[in-house]
């Protein structure tokens, strides 16, 4: 943004200014420049993805996955690799994925809180090729339906393992888990924040 452009003053809470000052000291940038850059970057993202919170959470999720040693592979390749594994190798993958998802769910809960949208973002990060629908049910529970175009039994088993263990990491109560031909559905309660 050009410094010669007219400026408007926007009131911000003191706590937000204090946090910006702390962050600006860490990154070595004046806090006013930091706030301007954050606003400018977020507005660019929102042109294409209107839910800025979801975009930022998803970026944070991907960064956390990278830090724990996860990699992103093309889904078709991933499916081929998983379907060619021996039973022992596949069971080892399920165990490792279970531990990773519990840990990751706990990290998400601590960093971002416990809400259906954060749980859905975690599911999307681990199962990026699936369509994930969130259904709020009348009894305070939420059903997350993970849908694939076409998948093998092993991929569905892996998706179930991911959903169940993320729910454990989020400290959710698992009411029901169902696996269909191309879907995995998990029904949970226990979110602190509602949508």
C-alpha atoms as a PDB file:
ATOM      1  CA  UNK A   1       0.000   0.000   0.000  1.00  0.00           C
ATOM      2  CA  UNK A   2       1.364   3.385  -0.934  1.00  0.00           C
ATOM      3  CA  UNK A   3       2.113   5.647   2.020  1.00  0.00           C
ATOM      4  CA  UNK A   4       0.756   8.639   0.051  1.00  0.00           C
ATOM      5  CA  UNK A   5      -2.781   7.249   0.019  1.00  0.00           C
ATOM      6  CA  UNK A   6      -5.233   8.837   2.425  1.00  0.00           C
ATOM      7  CA  UNK A   7      -5.583   6.906   5.666  1.00  0.00           C
ATOM      8  CA  UNK A   8      -8.522   6.202   7.920  1.00  0.00           C
ATOM      9  CA  UNK A   9      -8.274   5.380  11.568  1.00  0.00           C
ATOM     10  CA  UNK A  10      -9.855   2.132  12.657  1.00  0.00           C
ATOM     11  CA  UNK A  11     -10.342   1.510  16.370  1.00  0.00           C
ATOM     12  CA  UNK A  12      -8.832  -1.786  17.538  1.00  0.00           C
ATOM     13  CA  UNK A  13      -9.019  -3.401  20.966  1.00  0.00           C
ATOM     14  CA  UNK A  14      -6.008  -2.736  23.168  1.00  0.00           C
ATOM     15  CA  UNK A  15      -5.408  -6.487  23.579  1.00  0.00           C
ATOM     16  CA  UNK A  16      -5.076  -6.859  19.797  1.00  0.00           C
ATOM     17  CA  UNK A  17      -2.556  -4.014  19.630  1.00  0.00           C
ATOM     18  CA  UNK A  18      -0.567  -5.576  22.501  1.00  0.00           C
ATOM     19  CA  UNK A  19      -0.482  -8.948  20.710  1.00  0.00           C
ATOM     20  CA  UNK A  20       0.572  -7.267  17.453  1.00  0.00           C
ATOM     21  CA  UNK A  21       3.397  -5.507  19.285  1.00  0.00           C
ATOM     22  CA  UNK A  22       4.636  -8.808  20.776  1.00  0.00           C
ATOM     23  CA  UNK A  23       4.544 -10.519  17.379  1.00  0.00           C
ATOM     24  CA  UNK A  24       6.166  -7.550  15.640  1.00  0.00           C
ATOM     25  CA  UNK A  25       9.100  -7.708  18.080  1.00  0.00           C
ATOM     26  CA  UNK A  26       9.584 -11.416  17.268  1.00  0.00           C
ATOM     27  CA  UNK A  27       9.551 -10.871  13.505  1.00  0.00           C
ATOM     28  CA  UNK A  28      11.502  -7.578  13.588  1.00  0.00           C
ATOM     29  CA  UNK A  29       8.876  -5.385  11.968  1.00  0.00           C
ATOM     30  CA  UNK A  30       7.044  -2.284  13.251  1.00  0.00           C
ATOM     31  CA  UNK A  31       3.637  -3.313  14.522  1.00  0.00           C
ATOM     32  CA  UNK A  32       1.749  -0.877  12.269  1.00  0.00           C
ATOM     33  CA  UNK A  33       3.451  -2.378   9.196  1.00  0.00           C
ATOM     34  CA  UNK A  34       2.695  -5.878  10.506  1.00  0.00           C
ATOM     35  CA  UNK A  35      -1.009  -5.092  10.956  1.00  0.00           C
ATOM     36  CA  UNK A  36      -1.175  -3.543   7.485  1.00  0.00           C
ATOM     37  CA  UNK A  37       0.521  -6.591   5.885  1.00  0.00           C
ATOM     38  CA  UNK A  38      -1.763  -9.023   7.728  1.00  0.00           C
ATOM     39  CA  UNK A  39      -4.856  -7.143   6.623  1.00  0.00           C
ATOM     40  CA  UNK A  40      -3.615  -6.839   3.042  1.00  0.00           C
ATOM     41  CA  UNK A  41      -2.739 -10.573   2.831  1.00  0.00           C
ATOM     42  CA  UNK A  42      -6.028 -11.674   4.352  1.00  0.00           C
ATOM     43  CA  UNK A  43      -8.036  -9.533   1.971  1.00  0.00           C
ATOM     44  CA  UNK A  44      -6.211 -11.142  -0.972  1.00  0.00           C
ATOM     45  CA  UNK A  45      -7.105 -14.603   0.350  1.00  0.00           C
ATOM     46  CA  UNK A  46     -10.722 -13.599   0.932  1.00  0.00           C
ATOM     47  CA  UNK A  47     -11.144 -12.617  -2.727  1.00  0.00           C
ATOM     48  CA  UNK A  48     -10.988 -16.298  -3.581  1.00  0.00           C
ATOM     49  CA  UNK A  49     -11.903 -17.997  -0.319  1.00  0.00           C
ATOM     50  CA  UNK A  50     -14.494 -15.994   1.619  1.00  0.00           C
ATOM     51  CA  UNK A  51     -14.037 -17.907   4.858  1.00  0.00           C
ATOM     52  CA  UNK A  52     -10.752 -16.431   6.017  1.00  0.00           C
ATOM     53  CA  UNK A  53     -10.884 -18.299   9.322  1.00  0.00           C
ATOM     54  CA  UNK A  54     -11.130 -21.624   7.509  1.00  0.00           C
ATOM     55  CA  UNK A  55      -8.291 -20.690   5.147  1.00  0.00           C
ATOM     56  CA  UNK A  56      -6.020 -19.656   8.024  1.00  0.00           C
ATOM     57  CA  UNK A  57      -6.850 -22.749  10.075  1.00  0.00           C
ATOM     58  CA  UNK A  58      -6.213 -24.974   7.091  1.00  0.00           C
ATOM     59  CA  UNK A  59      -2.831 -23.304   6.473  1.00  0.00           C
ATOM     60  CA  UNK A  60      -1.942 -23.835  10.137  1.00  0.00           C
ATOM     61  CA  UNK A  61      -3.085 -27.472   9.957  1.00  0.00           C
ATOM     62  CA  UNK A  62      -0.879 -28.134   6.923  1.00  0.00           C
ATOM     63  CA  UNK A  63       2.083 -26.496   8.671  1.00  0.00           C
ATOM     64  CA  UNK A  64       1.568 -28.661  11.777  1.00  0.00           C
ATOM     65  CA  UNK A  65       1.323 -31.797   9.625  1.00  0.00           C
ATOM     66  CA  UNK A  66       4.582 -30.855   7.923  1.00  0.00           C
ATOM     67  CA  UNK A  67       6.272 -30.407  11.313  1.00  0.00           C
ATOM     68  CA  UNK A  68       5.322 -33.925  12.427  1.00  0.00           C
ATOM     69  CA  UNK A  69       6.856 -35.409   9.308  1.00  0.00           C
ATOM     70  CA  UNK A  70       3.769 -35.857   7.157  1.00  0.00           C
ATOM     71  CA  UNK A  71       3.938 -35.380   3.421  1.00  0.00           C
ATOM     72  CA  UNK A  72       1.318 -34.696   0.798  1.00  0.00           C
ATOM     73  CA  UNK A  73       1.142 -37.192  -2.045  1.00  0.00           C
ATOM     74  CA  UNK A  74      -1.201 -37.390  -5.014  1.00  0.00           C
ATOM     75  CA  UNK A  75      -4.255 -39.317  -3.859  1.00  0.00           C
ATOM     76  CA  UNK A  76      -4.141 -41.816  -6.728  1.00  0.00           C
ATOM     77  CA  UNK A  77      -0.547 -42.719  -5.837  1.00  0.00           C
ATOM     78  CA  UNK A  78      -1.400 -42.970  -2.141  1.00  0.00           C
ATOM     79  CA  UNK A  79      -4.246 -45.361  -2.897  1.00  0.00           C
ATOM     80  CA  UNK A  80      -1.995 -47.587  -5.038  1.00  0.00           C
ATOM     81  CA  UNK A  81       0.680 -47.713  -2.317  1.00  0.00           C
ATOM     82  CA  UNK A  82      -1.823 -48.535   0.422  1.00  0.00           C
ATOM     83  CA  UNK A  83      -3.559 -51.226  -1.614  1.00  0.00           C
ATOM     84  CA  UNK A  84      -0.200 -52.904  -2.404  1.00  0.00           C
ATOM     85  CA  UNK A  85       0.937 -53.060   1.246  1.00  0.00           C
ATOM     86  CA  UNK A  86       1.090 -56.386   3.031  1.00  0.00           C
ATOM     87  CA  UNK A  87      -1.418 -56.896   5.836  1.00  0.00           C
ATOM     88  CA  UNK A  88       1.325 -56.323   8.434  1.00  0.00           C
ATOM     89  CA  UNK A  89       2.457 -53.104   6.749  1.00  0.00           C
ATOM     90  CA  UNK A  90      -1.128 -51.866   6.537  1.00  0.00           C
ATOM     91  CA  UNK A  91      -1.766 -52.641  10.215  1.00  0.00           C
ATOM     92  CA  UNK A  92       1.434 -50.763  11.117  1.00  0.00           C
ATOM     93  CA  UNK A  93       0.182 -47.799   9.056  1.00  0.00           C
ATOM     94  CA  UNK A  94      -3.164 -47.886  10.901  1.00  0.00           C
ATOM     95  CA  UNK A  95      -1.423 -47.892  14.294  1.00  0.00           C
ATOM     96  CA  UNK A  96       0.903 -45.041  13.346  1.00  0.00           C
ATOM     97  CA  UNK A  97      -1.954 -43.035  11.868  1.00  0.00           C
ATOM     98  CA  UNK A  98      -3.996 -43.611  15.025  1.00  0.00           C
ATOM     99  CA  UNK A  99      -1.238 -42.223  17.265  1.00  0.00           C
ATOM    100  CA  UNK A 100      -0.612 -39.292  14.907  1.00  0.00           C
ATOM    101  CA  UNK A 101      -4.305 -38.373  14.755  1.00  0.00           C
ATOM    102  CA  UNK A 102      -4.770 -38.495  18.529  1.00  0.00           C
ATOM    103  CA  UNK A 103      -1.771 -36.222  19.006  1.00  0.00           C
ATOM    104  CA  UNK A 104      -2.870 -33.924  16.183  1.00  0.00           C
ATOM    105  CA  UNK A 105      -6.439 -33.699  17.537  1.00  0.00           C
ATOM    106  CA  UNK A 106      -5.078 -32.690  20.940  1.00  0.00           C
ATOM    107  CA  UNK A 107      -2.862 -30.062  19.314  1.00  0.00           C
ATOM    108  CA  UNK A 108      -5.801 -28.638  17.335  1.00  0.00           C
ATOM    109  CA  UNK A 109      -7.992 -28.533  20.459  1.00  0.00           C
ATOM    110  CA  UNK A 110      -5.309 -26.698  22.452  1.00  0.00           C
ATOM    111  CA  UNK A 111      -4.377 -24.244  19.675  1.00  0.00           C
ATOM    112  CA  UNK A 112      -7.775 -23.503  18.175  1.00  0.00           C
ATOM    113  CA  UNK A 113     -10.417 -24.778  20.563  1.00  0.00           C
ATOM    114  CA  UNK A 114     -12.982 -27.457  20.052  1.00  0.00           C
ATOM    115  CA  UNK A 115     -15.536 -26.708  17.369  1.00  0.00           C
ATOM    116  CA  UNK A 116     -17.084 -28.638  14.480  1.00  0.00           C
ATOM    117  CA  UNK A 117     -15.305 -26.429  11.916  1.00  0.00           C
ATOM    118  CA  UNK A 118     -11.862 -27.151  13.391  1.00  0.00           C
ATOM    119  CA  UNK A 119     -12.621 -30.878  13.501  1.00  0.00           C
ATOM    120  CA  UNK A 120     -13.735 -30.734   9.858  1.00  0.00           C
ATOM    121  CA  UNK A 121     -10.533 -28.855   8.919  1.00  0.00           C
ATOM    122  CA  UNK A 122      -8.429 -31.564  10.572  1.00  0.00           C
ATOM    123  CA  UNK A 123     -10.359 -34.279   8.699  1.00  0.00           C
ATOM    124  CA  UNK A 124      -9.897 -32.371   5.423  1.00  0.00           C
ATOM    125  CA  UNK A 125      -6.155 -32.083   5.962  1.00  0.00           C
ATOM    126  CA  UNK A 126      -5.734 -35.823   6.506  1.00  0.00           C
ATOM    127  CA  UNK A 127      -8.252 -36.920   3.865  1.00  0.00           C
ATOM    128  CA  UNK A 128      -7.903 -34.204   1.246  1.00  0.00           C
ATOM    129  CA  UNK A 129      -9.493 -36.150  -1.614  1.00  0.00           C
ATOM    130  CA  UNK A 130     -12.771 -36.721   0.201  1.00  0.00           C
ATOM    131  CA  UNK A 131     -15.841 -34.539   0.437  1.00  0.00           C
ATOM    132  CA  UNK A 132     -16.654 -33.899   4.084  1.00  0.00           C
ATOM    133  CA  UNK A 133     -20.165 -32.884   5.116  1.00  0.00           C
ATOM    134  CA  UNK A 134     -20.995 -31.693   8.619  1.00  0.00           C
ATOM    135  CA  UNK A 135     -24.549 -32.242   9.815  1.00  0.00           C
ATOM    136  CA  UNK A 136     -25.749 -30.714  13.074  1.00  0.00           C
ATOM    137  CA  UNK A 137     -28.302 -33.007  14.636  1.00  0.00           C
ATOM    138  CA  UNK A 138     -31.035 -31.935  17.025  1.00  0.00           C
ATOM    139  CA  UNK A 139     -29.619 -33.656  20.089  1.00  0.00           C
ATOM    140  CA  UNK A 140     -26.435 -31.564  20.197  1.00  0.00           C
ATOM    141  CA  UNK A 141     -24.463 -34.097  18.212  1.00  0.00           C
ATOM    142  CA  UNK A 142     -22.706 -33.625  14.897  1.00  0.00           C
ATOM    143  CA  UNK A 143     -22.340 -36.159  12.115  1.00  0.00           C
ATOM    144  CA  UNK A 144     -19.339 -35.920   9.811  1.00  0.00           C
ATOM    145  CA  UNK A 145     -19.753 -37.821   6.554  1.00  0.00           C
ATOM    146  CA  UNK A 146     -16.567 -38.523   4.604  1.00  0.00           C
ATOM    147  CA  UNK A 147     -17.479 -39.342   0.995  1.00  0.00           C
ATOM    148  CA  UNK A 148     -15.251 -40.696  -1.755  1.00  0.00           C
ATOM    149  CA  UNK A 149     -15.960 -41.114  -5.444  1.00  0.00           C
ATOM    150  CA  UNK A 150     -14.705 -44.682  -5.349  1.00  0.00           C
ATOM    151  CA  UNK A 151     -12.413 -46.252  -2.776  1.00  0.00           C
ATOM    152  CA  UNK A 152     -11.003 -49.560  -1.670  1.00  0.00           C
ATOM    153  CA  UNK A 153     -11.852 -51.189   1.673  1.00  0.00           C
ATOM    154  CA  UNK A 154      -8.393 -50.256   2.963  1.00  0.00           C
ATOM    155  CA  UNK A 155      -8.842 -46.564   2.191  1.00  0.00           C
ATOM    156  CA  UNK A 156     -12.195 -46.626   3.974  1.00  0.00           C
ATOM    157  CA  UNK A 157     -10.594 -48.372   6.970  1.00  0.00           C
ATOM    158  CA  UNK A 158      -7.849 -45.727   7.025  1.00  0.00           C
ATOM    159  CA  UNK A 159     -10.445 -42.919   6.847  1.00  0.00           C
ATOM    160  CA  UNK A 160     -12.317 -44.511   9.758  1.00  0.00           C
ATOM    161  CA  UNK A 161      -9.078 -44.731  11.765  1.00  0.00           C
ATOM    162  CA  UNK A 162      -8.344 -41.074  11.081  1.00  0.00           C
ATOM    163  CA  UNK A 163     -11.848 -39.889  12.061  1.00  0.00           C
ATOM    164  CA  UNK A 164     -12.045 -41.974  15.248  1.00  0.00           C
ATOM    165  CA  UNK A 165      -8.599 -40.983  16.505  1.00  0.00           C
ATOM    166  CA  UNK A 166      -8.988 -37.302  15.660  1.00  0.00           C
ATOM    167  CA  UNK A 167     -12.216 -37.417  17.696  1.00  0.00           C
ATOM    168  CA  UNK A 168     -10.290 -38.977  20.594  1.00  0.00           C
ATOM    169  CA  UNK A 169      -7.653 -36.241  20.337  1.00  0.00           C
ATOM    170  CA  UNK A 170     -10.391 -33.579  20.396  1.00  0.00           C
ATOM    171  CA  UNK A 171     -11.819 -35.333  23.516  1.00  0.00           C
ATOM    172  CA  UNK A 172     -15.152 -35.933  21.792  1.00  0.00           C
ATOM    173  CA  UNK A 173     -17.693 -38.583  22.688  1.00  0.00           C
ATOM    174  CA  UNK A 174     -18.048 -40.999  19.778  1.00  0.00           C
ATOM    175  CA  UNK A 175     -21.680 -42.059  19.467  1.00  0.00           C
ATOM    176  CA  UNK A 176     -21.546 -43.983  16.207  1.00  0.00           C
ATOM    177  CA  UNK A 177     -19.198 -44.914  13.371  1.00  0.00           C
ATOM    178  CA  UNK A 178     -20.552 -46.360  10.116  1.00  0.00           C
ATOM    179  CA  UNK A 179     -18.727 -47.388   6.969  1.00  0.00           C
ATOM    180  CA  UNK A 180     -20.606 -47.697   3.680  1.00  0.00           C
ATOM    181  CA  UNK A 181     -19.510 -48.505   0.141  1.00  0.00           C
ATOM    182  CA  UNK A 182     -17.780 -45.144  -0.370  1.00  0.00           C
ATOM    183  CA  UNK A 183     -18.460 -43.306   2.889  1.00  0.00           C
ATOM    184  CA  UNK A 184     -17.387 -43.188   6.501  1.00  0.00           C
ATOM    185  CA  UNK A 185     -19.708 -41.481   8.965  1.00  0.00           C
ATOM    186  CA  UNK A 186     -18.843 -40.528  12.547  1.00  0.00           C
ATOM    187  CA  UNK A 187     -21.348 -39.045  14.995  1.00  0.00           C
ATOM    188  CA  UNK A 188     -19.912 -37.162  17.984  1.00  0.00           C
ATOM    189  CA  UNK A 189     -20.754 -34.827  20.859  1.00  0.00           C
ATOM    190  CA  UNK A 190     -18.610 -32.750  23.176  1.00  0.00           C
ATOM    191  CA  UNK A 191     -17.564 -29.652  21.244  1.00  0.00           C
ATOM    192  CA  UNK A 192     -16.973 -26.634  23.498  1.00  0.00           C
ATOM    193  CA  UNK A 193     -17.827 -24.123  20.790  1.00  0.00           C
ATOM    194  CA  UNK A 194     -20.908 -24.400  18.610  1.00  0.00           C
ATOM    195  CA  UNK A 195     -21.216 -23.208  15.037  1.00  0.00           C
END
